[in-house]
């Protein structure tokens, strides 16, 4: 049996929720610094995943090894971001 994951929000709502979810974690990062730029990409990608498919979870910590701790208030999950495609 195949399990299909369906987005919880429409496109218009996703943009608003993304801003709410990631803005505080992007503050202070410099787009011209390579490591900060990479962290910005990771935050944006994780934010889109959370907002779209796991809206009960939020980013609790941004760090290294693991890259993120997310939580729904009951469970804490460690996330290690891995690039699987490179242009």
PDB file of N, CA and C in Angstrom:
ATOM      1  N   UNK A   1       0.839  -1.180   0.000  1.00  0.00           N
ATOM      2  CA  UNK A   1       0.000   0.000   0.000  1.00  0.00           C
ATOM      3  C   UNK A   1       0.886   1.246   0.000  1.00  0.00           C
ATOM      4  N   UNK A   2       0.606   2.155  -0.895  1.00  0.00           N
ATOM      5  CA  UNK A   2       1.387   3.380  -1.035  1.00  0.00           C
ATOM      6  C   UNK A   2       0.817   4.470  -0.129  1.00  0.00           C
ATOM      7  N   UNK A   3       1.702   5.157   0.584  1.00  0.00           N
ATOM      8  CA  UNK A   3       1.280   6.270   1.445  1.00  0.00           C
ATOM      9  C   UNK A   3       1.644   7.581   0.764  1.00  0.00           C
ATOM     10  N   UNK A   4       0.667   8.414   0.516  1.00  0.00           N
ATOM     11  CA  UNK A   4       0.890   9.691  -0.153  1.00  0.00           C
ATOM     12  C   UNK A   4       0.806  10.810   0.871  1.00  0.00           C
ATOM     13  N   UNK A   5       1.833  11.667   0.861  1.00  0.00           N
ATOM     14  CA  UNK A   5       1.852  12.812   1.762  1.00  0.00           C
ATOM     15  C   UNK A   5       1.297  14.009   0.993  1.00  0.00           C
ATOM     16  N   UNK A   6       0.289  14.630   1.544  1.00  0.00           N
ATOM     17  CA  UNK A   6      -0.382  15.750   0.884  1.00  0.00           C
ATOM     18  C   UNK A   6      -0.063  17.042   1.638  1.00  0.00           C
ATOM     19  N   UNK A   7       0.284  18.130   0.909  1.00  0.00           N
ATOM     20  CA  UNK A   7       0.544  19.412   1.585  1.00  0.00           C
ATOM     21  C   UNK A   7      -0.650  19.853   2.419  1.00  0.00           C
ATOM     22  N   UNK A   8      -0.353  20.469   3.563  1.00  0.00           N
ATOM     23  CA  UNK A   8      -1.403  20.909   4.476  1.00  0.00           C
ATOM     24  C   UNK A   8      -1.921  22.305   4.146  1.00  0.00           C
ATOM     25  N   UNK A   9      -1.172  23.087   3.349  1.00  0.00           N
ATOM     26  CA  UNK A   9      -1.535  24.472   3.067  1.00  0.00           C
ATOM     27  C   UNK A   9      -1.531  24.748   1.572  1.00  0.00           C
ATOM     28  N   UNK A  10      -2.207  25.820   1.169  1.00  0.00           N
ATOM     29  CA  UNK A  10      -2.126  26.244  -0.224  1.00  0.00           C
ATOM     30  C   UNK A  10      -0.939  27.180  -0.411  1.00  0.00           C
ATOM     31  N   UNK A  11      -0.589  27.479  -1.656  1.00  0.00           N
ATOM     32  CA  UNK A  11       0.599  28.275  -1.970  1.00  0.00           C
ATOM     33  C   UNK A  11       0.608  29.642  -1.298  1.00  0.00           C
ATOM     34  N   UNK A  12      -0.523  30.313  -1.260  1.00  0.00           N
ATOM     35  CA  UNK A  12      -0.598  31.653  -0.667  1.00  0.00           C
ATOM     36  C   UNK A  12      -0.288  31.597   0.827  1.00  0.00           C
ATOM     37  N   UNK A  13      -0.835  30.620   1.497  1.00  0.00           N
ATOM     38  CA  UNK A  13      -0.619  30.477   2.934  1.00  0.00           C
ATOM     39  C   UNK A  13       0.802  30.037   3.250  1.00  0.00           C
ATOM     40  N   UNK A  14       1.400  29.239   2.368  1.00  0.00           N
ATOM     41  CA  UNK A  14       2.762  28.751   2.580  1.00  0.00           C
ATOM     42  C   UNK A  14       3.732  29.919   2.717  1.00  0.00           C
ATOM     43  N   UNK A  15       3.617  30.926   1.860  1.00  0.00           N
ATOM     44  CA  UNK A  15       4.529  32.069   1.906  1.00  0.00           C
ATOM     45  C   UNK A  15       4.448  32.781   3.259  1.00  0.00           C
ATOM     46  N   UNK A  16       3.248  33.020   3.743  1.00  0.00           N
ATOM     47  CA  UNK A  16       3.054  33.678   5.038  1.00  0.00           C
ATOM     48  C   UNK A  16       3.631  32.826   6.169  1.00  0.00           C
ATOM     49  N   UNK A  17       3.350  31.555   6.164  1.00  0.00           N
ATOM     50  CA  UNK A  17       3.830  30.658   7.217  1.00  0.00           C
ATOM     51  C   UNK A  17       5.345  30.489   7.171  1.00  0.00           C
ATOM     52  N   UNK A  18       5.922  30.488   5.961  1.00  0.00           N
ATOM     53  CA  UNK A  18       7.378  30.405   5.827  1.00  0.00           C
ATOM     54  C   UNK A  18       8.043  31.592   6.518  1.00  0.00           C
ATOM     55  N   UNK A  19       7.523  32.776   6.264  1.00  0.00           N
ATOM     56  CA  UNK A  19       8.074  33.986   6.886  1.00  0.00           C
ATOM     57  C   UNK A  19       8.048  33.851   8.410  1.00  0.00           C
ATOM     58  N   UNK A  20       6.938  33.396   8.937  1.00  0.00           N
ATOM     59  CA  UNK A  20       6.777  33.218  10.376  1.00  0.00           C
ATOM     60  C   UNK A  20       7.742  32.162  10.930  1.00  0.00           C
ATOM     61  N   UNK A  21       7.944  31.110  10.171  1.00  0.00           N
ATOM     62  CA  UNK A  21       8.741  29.972  10.632  1.00  0.00           C
ATOM     63  C   UNK A  21      10.239  30.227  10.596  1.00  0.00           C
ATOM     64  N   UNK A  22      10.739  30.914   9.560  1.00  0.00           N
ATOM     65  CA  UNK A  22      12.190  30.987   9.382  1.00  0.00           C
ATOM     66  C   UNK A  22      12.829  32.341   9.656  1.00  0.00           C
ATOM     67  N   UNK A  23      12.074  33.417   9.645  1.00  0.00           N
ATOM     68  CA  UNK A  23      12.666  34.763   9.728  1.00  0.00           C
ATOM     69  C   UNK A  23      13.643  34.909  10.893  1.00  0.00           C
ATOM     70  N   UNK A  24      13.242  34.505  12.086  1.00  0.00           N
ATOM     71  CA  UNK A  24      14.112  34.718  13.257  1.00  0.00           C
ATOM     72  C   UNK A  24      15.413  33.931  13.156  1.00  0.00           C
ATOM     73  N   UNK A  25      15.417  32.840  12.388  1.00  0.00           N
ATOM     74  CA  UNK A  25      16.625  32.029  12.241  1.00  0.00           C
ATOM     75  C   UNK A  25      17.552  32.576  11.153  1.00  0.00           C
ATOM     76  N   UNK A  26      17.019  33.415  10.267  1.00  0.00           N
ATOM     77  CA  UNK A  26      17.826  34.007   9.200  1.00  0.00           C
ATOM     78  C   UNK A  26      18.511  35.300   9.638  1.00  0.00           C
ATOM     79  N   UNK A  27      17.954  35.945  10.656  1.00  0.00           N
ATOM     80  CA  UNK A  27      18.534  37.206  11.132  1.00  0.00           C
ATOM     81  C   UNK A  27      19.989  37.008  11.542  1.00  0.00           C
ATOM     82  N   UNK A  28      20.848  37.916  11.087  1.00  0.00           N
ATOM     83  CA  UNK A  28      22.253  37.870  11.448  1.00  0.00           C
ATOM     84  C   UNK A  28      23.121  37.049  10.501  1.00  0.00           C
ATOM     85  N   UNK A  29      22.515  36.310   9.574  1.00  0.00           N
ATOM     86  CA  UNK A  29      23.303  35.549   8.608  1.00  0.00           C
ATOM     87  C   UNK A  29      23.622  36.433   7.410  1.00  0.00           C
ATOM     88  N   UNK A  30      24.837  36.330   6.911  1.00  0.00           N
ATOM     89  CA  UNK A  30      25.328  37.164   5.813  1.00  0.00           C
ATOM     90  C   UNK A  30      25.344  36.360   4.512  1.00  0.00           C
ATOM     91  N   UNK A  31      24.540  36.776   3.534  1.00  0.00           N
ATOM     92  CA  UNK A  31      24.437  36.068   2.253  1.00  0.00           C
ATOM     93  C   UNK A  31      25.751  36.031   1.490  1.00  0.00           C
ATOM     94  N   UNK A  32      26.668  36.949   1.805  1.00  0.00           N
ATOM     95  CA  UNK A  32      27.950  37.003   1.101  1.00  0.00           C
ATOM     96  C   UNK A  32      29.004  36.094   1.733  1.00  0.00           C
ATOM     97  N   UNK A  33      28.700  35.565   2.894  1.00  0.00           N
ATOM     98  CA  UNK A  33      29.584  34.618   3.562  1.00  0.00           C
ATOM     99  C   UNK A  33      29.119  33.213   3.164  1.00  0.00           C
ATOM    100  N   UNK A  34      30.008  32.396   2.607  1.00  0.00           N
ATOM    101  CA  UNK A  34      29.626  31.091   2.053  1.00  0.00           C
ATOM    102  C   UNK A  34      28.955  30.179   3.081  1.00  0.00           C
ATOM    103  N   UNK A  35      29.494  30.100   4.280  1.00  0.00           N
ATOM    104  CA  UNK A  35      28.880  29.208   5.279  1.00  0.00           C
ATOM    105  C   UNK A  35      27.526  29.739   5.739  1.00  0.00           C
ATOM    106  N   UNK A  36      27.381  31.053   5.863  1.00  0.00           N
ATOM    107  CA  UNK A  36      26.080  31.634   6.211  1.00  0.00           C
ATOM    108  C   UNK A  36      25.074  31.419   5.089  1.00  0.00           C
ATOM    109  N   UNK A  37      25.547  31.572   3.844  1.00  0.00           N
ATOM    110  CA  UNK A  37      24.665  31.368   2.694  1.00  0.00           C
ATOM    111  C   UNK A  37      24.151  29.926   2.680  1.00  0.00           C
ATOM    112  N   UNK A  38      25.036  28.971   2.940  1.00  0.00           N
ATOM    113  CA  UNK A  38      24.638  27.557   2.983  1.00  0.00           C
ATOM    114  C   UNK A  38      23.619  27.326   4.088  1.00  0.00           C
ATOM    115  N   UNK A  39      23.838  27.936   5.254  1.00  0.00           N
ATOM    116  CA  UNK A  39      22.902  27.774   6.366  1.00  0.00           C
ATOM    117  C   UNK A  39      21.544  28.388   6.014  1.00  0.00           C
ATOM    118  N   UNK A  40      21.544  29.521   5.292  1.00  0.00           N
ATOM    119  CA  UNK A  40      20.288  30.131   4.842  1.00  0.00           C
ATOM    120  C   UNK A  40      19.509  29.170   3.946  1.00  0.00           C
ATOM    121  N   UNK A  41      20.201  28.527   3.019  1.00  0.00           N
ATOM    122  CA  UNK A  41      19.538  27.556   2.142  1.00  0.00           C
ATOM    123  C   UNK A  41      18.942  26.405   2.951  1.00  0.00           C
ATOM    124  N   UNK A  42      19.700  25.906   3.896  1.00  0.00           N
ATOM    125  CA  UNK A  42      19.221  24.803   4.732  1.00  0.00           C
ATOM    126  C   UNK A  42      17.989  25.216   5.530  1.00  0.00           C
ATOM    127  N   UNK A  43      18.014  26.403   6.109  1.00  0.00           N
ATOM    128  CA  UNK A  43      16.878  26.899   6.894  1.00  0.00           C
ATOM    129  C   UNK A  43      15.644  27.037   6.003  1.00  0.00           C
ATOM    130  N   UNK A  44      15.825  27.593   4.819  1.00  0.00           N
ATOM    131  CA  UNK A  44      14.694  27.768   3.896  1.00  0.00           C
ATOM    132  C   UNK A  44      14.116  26.424   3.461  1.00  0.00           C
ATOM    133  N   UNK A  45      14.986  25.467   3.155  1.00  0.00           N
ATOM    134  CA  UNK A  45      14.505  24.157   2.724  1.00  0.00           C
ATOM    135  C   UNK A  45      13.780  23.428   3.851  1.00  0.00           C
ATOM    136  N   UNK A  46      14.345  23.469   5.046  1.00  0.00           N
ATOM    137  CA  UNK A  46      13.672  22.843   6.181  1.00  0.00           C
ATOM    138  C   UNK A  46      12.371  23.561   6.497  1.00  0.00           C
ATOM    139  N   UNK A  47      12.390  24.890   6.440  1.00  0.00           N
ATOM    140  CA  UNK A  47      11.169  25.659   6.693  1.00  0.00           C
ATOM    141  C   UNK A  47      10.056  25.286   5.740  1.00  0.00           C
ATOM    142  N   UNK A  48      10.379  25.124   4.468  1.00  0.00           N
ATOM    143  CA  UNK A  48       9.365  24.737   3.469  1.00  0.00           C
ATOM    144  C   UNK A  48       8.810  23.351   3.779  1.00  0.00           C
ATOM    145  N   UNK A  49       9.673  22.423   4.161  1.00  0.00           N
ATOM    146  CA  UNK A  49       9.225  21.083   4.533  1.00  0.00           C
ATOM    147  C   UNK A  49       8.274  21.135   5.731  1.00  0.00           C
ATOM    148  N   UNK A  50       8.677  21.874   6.751  1.00  0.00           N
ATOM    149  CA  UNK A  50       7.850  21.956   7.955  1.00  0.00           C
ATOM    150  C   UNK A  50       6.501  22.598   7.676  1.00  0.00           C
ATOM    151  N   UNK A  51       6.527  23.735   7.002  1.00  0.00           N
ATOM    152  CA  UNK A  51       5.282  24.471   6.726  1.00  0.00           C
ATOM    153  C   UNK A  51       4.348  23.656   5.838  1.00  0.00           C
ATOM    154  N   UNK A  52       4.918  22.980   4.854  1.00  0.00           N
ATOM    155  CA  UNK A  52       4.101  22.256   3.885  1.00  0.00           C
ATOM    156  C   UNK A  52       3.584  20.920   4.405  1.00  0.00           C
ATOM    157  N   UNK A  53       4.442  20.167   5.069  1.00  0.00           N
ATOM    158  CA  UNK A  53       4.063  18.802   5.436  1.00  0.00           C
ATOM    159  C   UNK A  53       4.004  18.505   6.931  1.00  0.00           C
ATOM    160  N   UNK A  54       4.696  19.300   7.739  1.00  0.00           N
ATOM    161  CA  UNK A  54       4.736  19.045   9.185  1.00  0.00           C
ATOM    162  C   UNK A  54       4.433  20.325   9.957  1.00  0.00           C
ATOM    163  N   UNK A  55       3.245  20.895   9.782  1.00  0.00           N
ATOM    164  CA  UNK A  55       2.951  22.204  10.370  1.00  0.00           C
ATOM    165  C   UNK A  55       2.925  22.229  11.900  1.00  0.00           C
ATOM    166  N   UNK A  56       2.855  21.085  12.538  1.00  0.00           N
ATOM    167  CA  UNK A  56       2.867  21.053  14.002  1.00  0.00           C
ATOM    168  C   UNK A  56       4.283  21.216  14.560  1.00  0.00           C
ATOM    169  N   UNK A  57       5.285  21.075  13.692  1.00  0.00           N
ATOM    170  CA  UNK A  57       6.681  21.189  14.115  1.00  0.00           C
ATOM    171  C   UNK A  57       7.227  22.572  13.816  1.00  0.00           C
ATOM    172  N   UNK A  58       8.183  22.991  14.627  1.00  0.00           N
ATOM    173  CA  UNK A  58       8.880  24.256  14.391  1.00  0.00           C
ATOM    174  C   UNK A  58      10.366  24.051  14.665  1.00  0.00           C
ATOM    175  N   UNK A  59      11.162  24.975  14.144  1.00  0.00           N
ATOM    176  CA  UNK A  59      12.605  24.903  14.369  1.00  0.00           C
ATOM    177  C   UNK A  59      12.890  25.400  15.783  1.00  0.00           C
ATOM    178  N   UNK A  60      13.429  24.531  16.594  1.00  0.00           N
ATOM    179  CA  UNK A  60      13.749  24.879  17.979  1.00  0.00           C
ATOM    180  C   UNK A  60      15.183  25.395  18.093  1.00  0.00           C
ATOM    181  N   UNK A  61      16.120  24.752  17.360  1.00  0.00           N
ATOM    182  CA  UNK A  61      17.527  25.152  17.395  1.00  0.00           C
ATOM    183  C   UNK A  61      18.137  25.041  16.011  1.00  0.00           C
ATOM    184  N   UNK A  62      18.989  26.014  15.671  1.00  0.00           N
ATOM    185  CA  UNK A  62      19.820  25.958  14.467  1.00  0.00           C
ATOM    186  C   UNK A  62      21.246  25.806  14.961  1.00  0.00           C
ATOM    187  N   UNK A  63      21.938  24.753  14.516  1.00  0.00           N
ATOM    188  CA  UNK A  63      23.257  24.438  15.030  1.00  0.00           C
ATOM    189  C   UNK A  63      24.032  23.617  14.022  1.00  0.00           C
ATOM    190  N   UNK A  64      25.110  22.996  14.435  1.00  0.00           N
ATOM    191  CA  UNK A  64      25.869  22.063  13.593  1.00  0.00           C
ATOM    192  C   UNK A  64      25.872  20.701  14.277  1.00  0.00           C
ATOM    193  N   UNK A  65      25.769  19.686  13.499  1.00  0.00           N
ATOM    194  CA  UNK A  65      25.844  18.282  13.978  1.00  0.00           C
ATOM    195  C   UNK A  65      24.948  18.010  15.166  1.00  0.00           C
ATOM    196  N   UNK A  66      23.708  17.849  15.080  1.00  0.00           N
ATOM    197  CA  UNK A  66      22.879  17.959  13.883  1.00  0.00           C
ATOM    198  C   UNK A  66      22.610  19.421  13.536  1.00  0.00           C
ATOM    199  N   UNK A  67      22.202  19.639  12.309  1.00  0.00           N
ATOM    200  CA  UNK A  67      21.964  21.006  11.832  1.00  0.00           C
ATOM    201  C   UNK A  67      20.792  21.683  12.525  1.00  0.00           C
ATOM    202  N   UNK A  68      19.788  20.899  12.872  1.00  0.00           N
ATOM    203  CA  UNK A  68      18.566  21.473  13.451  1.00  0.00           C
ATOM    204  C   UNK A  68      17.975  20.544  14.498  1.00  0.00           C
ATOM    205  N   UNK A  69      17.282  21.144  15.435  1.00  0.00           N
ATOM    206  CA  UNK A  69      16.388  20.413  16.332  1.00  0.00           C
ATOM    207  C   UNK A  69      15.009  20.992  16.053  1.00  0.00           C
ATOM    208  N   UNK A  70      14.067  20.113  15.715  1.00  0.00           N
ATOM    209  CA  UNK A  70      12.688  20.556  15.512  1.00  0.00           C
ATOM    210  C   UNK A  70      11.829  19.929  16.598  1.00  0.00           C
ATOM    211  N   UNK A  71      10.696  20.556  16.864  1.00  0.00           N
ATOM    212  CA  UNK A  71       9.839  20.064  17.937  1.00  0.00           C
ATOM    213  C   UNK A  71       8.380  20.392  17.651  1.00  0.00           C
ATOM    214  N   UNK A  72       7.511  19.523  18.138  1.00  0.00           N
ATOM    215  CA  UNK A  72       6.072  19.803  18.089  1.00  0.00           C
ATOM    216  C   UNK A  72       5.541  20.094  19.484  1.00  0.00           C
ATOM    217  N   UNK A  73       6.449  20.301  20.429  1.00  0.00           N
ATOM    218  CA  UNK A  73       6.059  20.559  21.815  1.00  0.00           C
ATOM    219  C   UNK A  73       6.069  19.303  22.668  1.00  0.00           C
ATOM    220  N   UNK A  74       5.978  18.137  22.020  1.00  0.00           N
ATOM    221  CA  UNK A  74       6.008  16.862  22.734  1.00  0.00           C
ATOM    222  C   UNK A  74       7.255  16.071  22.380  1.00  0.00           C
ATOM    223  N   UNK A  75       7.585  16.082  21.083  1.00  0.00           N
ATOM    224  CA  UNK A  75       8.739  15.341  20.584  1.00  0.00           C
ATOM    225  C   UNK A  75       9.778  16.305  20.057  1.00  0.00           C
ATOM    226  N   UNK A  76      11.059  15.953  20.274  1.00  0.00           N
ATOM    227  CA  UNK A  76      12.180  16.702  19.688  1.00  0.00           C
ATOM    228  C   UNK A  76      12.862  15.772  18.701  1.00  0.00           C
ATOM    229  N   UNK A  77      13.171  16.301  17.512  1.00  0.00           N
ATOM    230  CA  UNK A  77      13.784  15.501  16.456  1.00  0.00           C
ATOM    231  C   UNK A  77      15.024  16.228  15.950  1.00  0.00           C
ATOM    232  N   UNK A  78      16.140  15.502  15.844  1.00  0.00           N
ATOM    233  CA  UNK A  78      17.374  16.058  15.303  1.00  0.00           C
ATOM    234  C   UNK A  78      17.360  15.871  13.790  1.00  0.00           C
ATOM    235  N   UNK A  79      17.734  16.929  13.059  1.00  0.00           N
ATOM    236  CA  UNK A  79      17.769  16.899  11.597  1.00  0.00           C
ATOM    237  C   UNK A  79      19.175  17.237  11.125  1.00  0.00           C
ATOM    238  N   UNK A  80      19.742  16.382  10.297  1.00  0.00           N
ATOM    239  CA  UNK A  80      21.015  16.664   9.646  1.00  0.00           C
ATOM    240  C   UNK A  80      20.705  16.888   8.167  1.00  0.00           C
ATOM    241  N   UNK A  81      20.914  18.104   7.697  1.00  0.00           N
ATOM    242  CA  UNK A  81      20.617  18.452   6.302  1.00  0.00           C
ATOM    243  C   UNK A  81      21.693  17.868   5.398  1.00  0.00           C
ATOM    244  N   UNK A  82      21.281  17.244   4.301  1.00  0.00           N
ATOM    245  CA  UNK A  82      22.227  16.658   3.360  1.00  0.00           C
ATOM    246  C   UNK A  82      21.813  17.028   1.948  1.00  0.00           C
ATOM    247  N   UNK A  83      22.720  17.593   1.200  1.00  0.00           N
ATOM    248  CA  UNK A  83      22.460  17.927  -0.196  1.00  0.00           C
ATOM    249  C   UNK A  83      22.536  16.644  -1.013  1.00  0.00           C
ATOM    250  N   UNK A  84      21.463  16.338  -1.749  1.00  0.00           N
ATOM    251  CA  UNK A  84      21.465  15.115  -2.552  1.00  0.00           C
ATOM    252  C   UNK A  84      21.609  15.398  -4.044  1.00  0.00           C
ATOM    253  N   UNK A  85      21.448  16.658  -4.426  1.00  0.00           N
ATOM    254  CA  UNK A  85      21.636  17.071  -5.817  1.00  0.00           C
ATOM    255  C   UNK A  85      22.459  18.338  -5.842  1.00  0.00           C
ATOM    256  N   UNK A  86      23.391  18.407  -6.757  1.00  0.00           N
ATOM    257  CA  UNK A  86      24.189  19.609  -6.892  1.00  0.00           C
ATOM    258  C   UNK A  86      24.143  20.062  -8.340  1.00  0.00           C
ATOM    259  N   UNK A  87      23.954  21.352  -8.546  1.00  0.00           N
ATOM    260  CA  UNK A  87      23.865  21.854  -9.920  1.00  0.00           C
ATOM    261  C   UNK A  87      25.237  21.992 -10.520  1.00  0.00           C
TER     262      UNK A  87
END
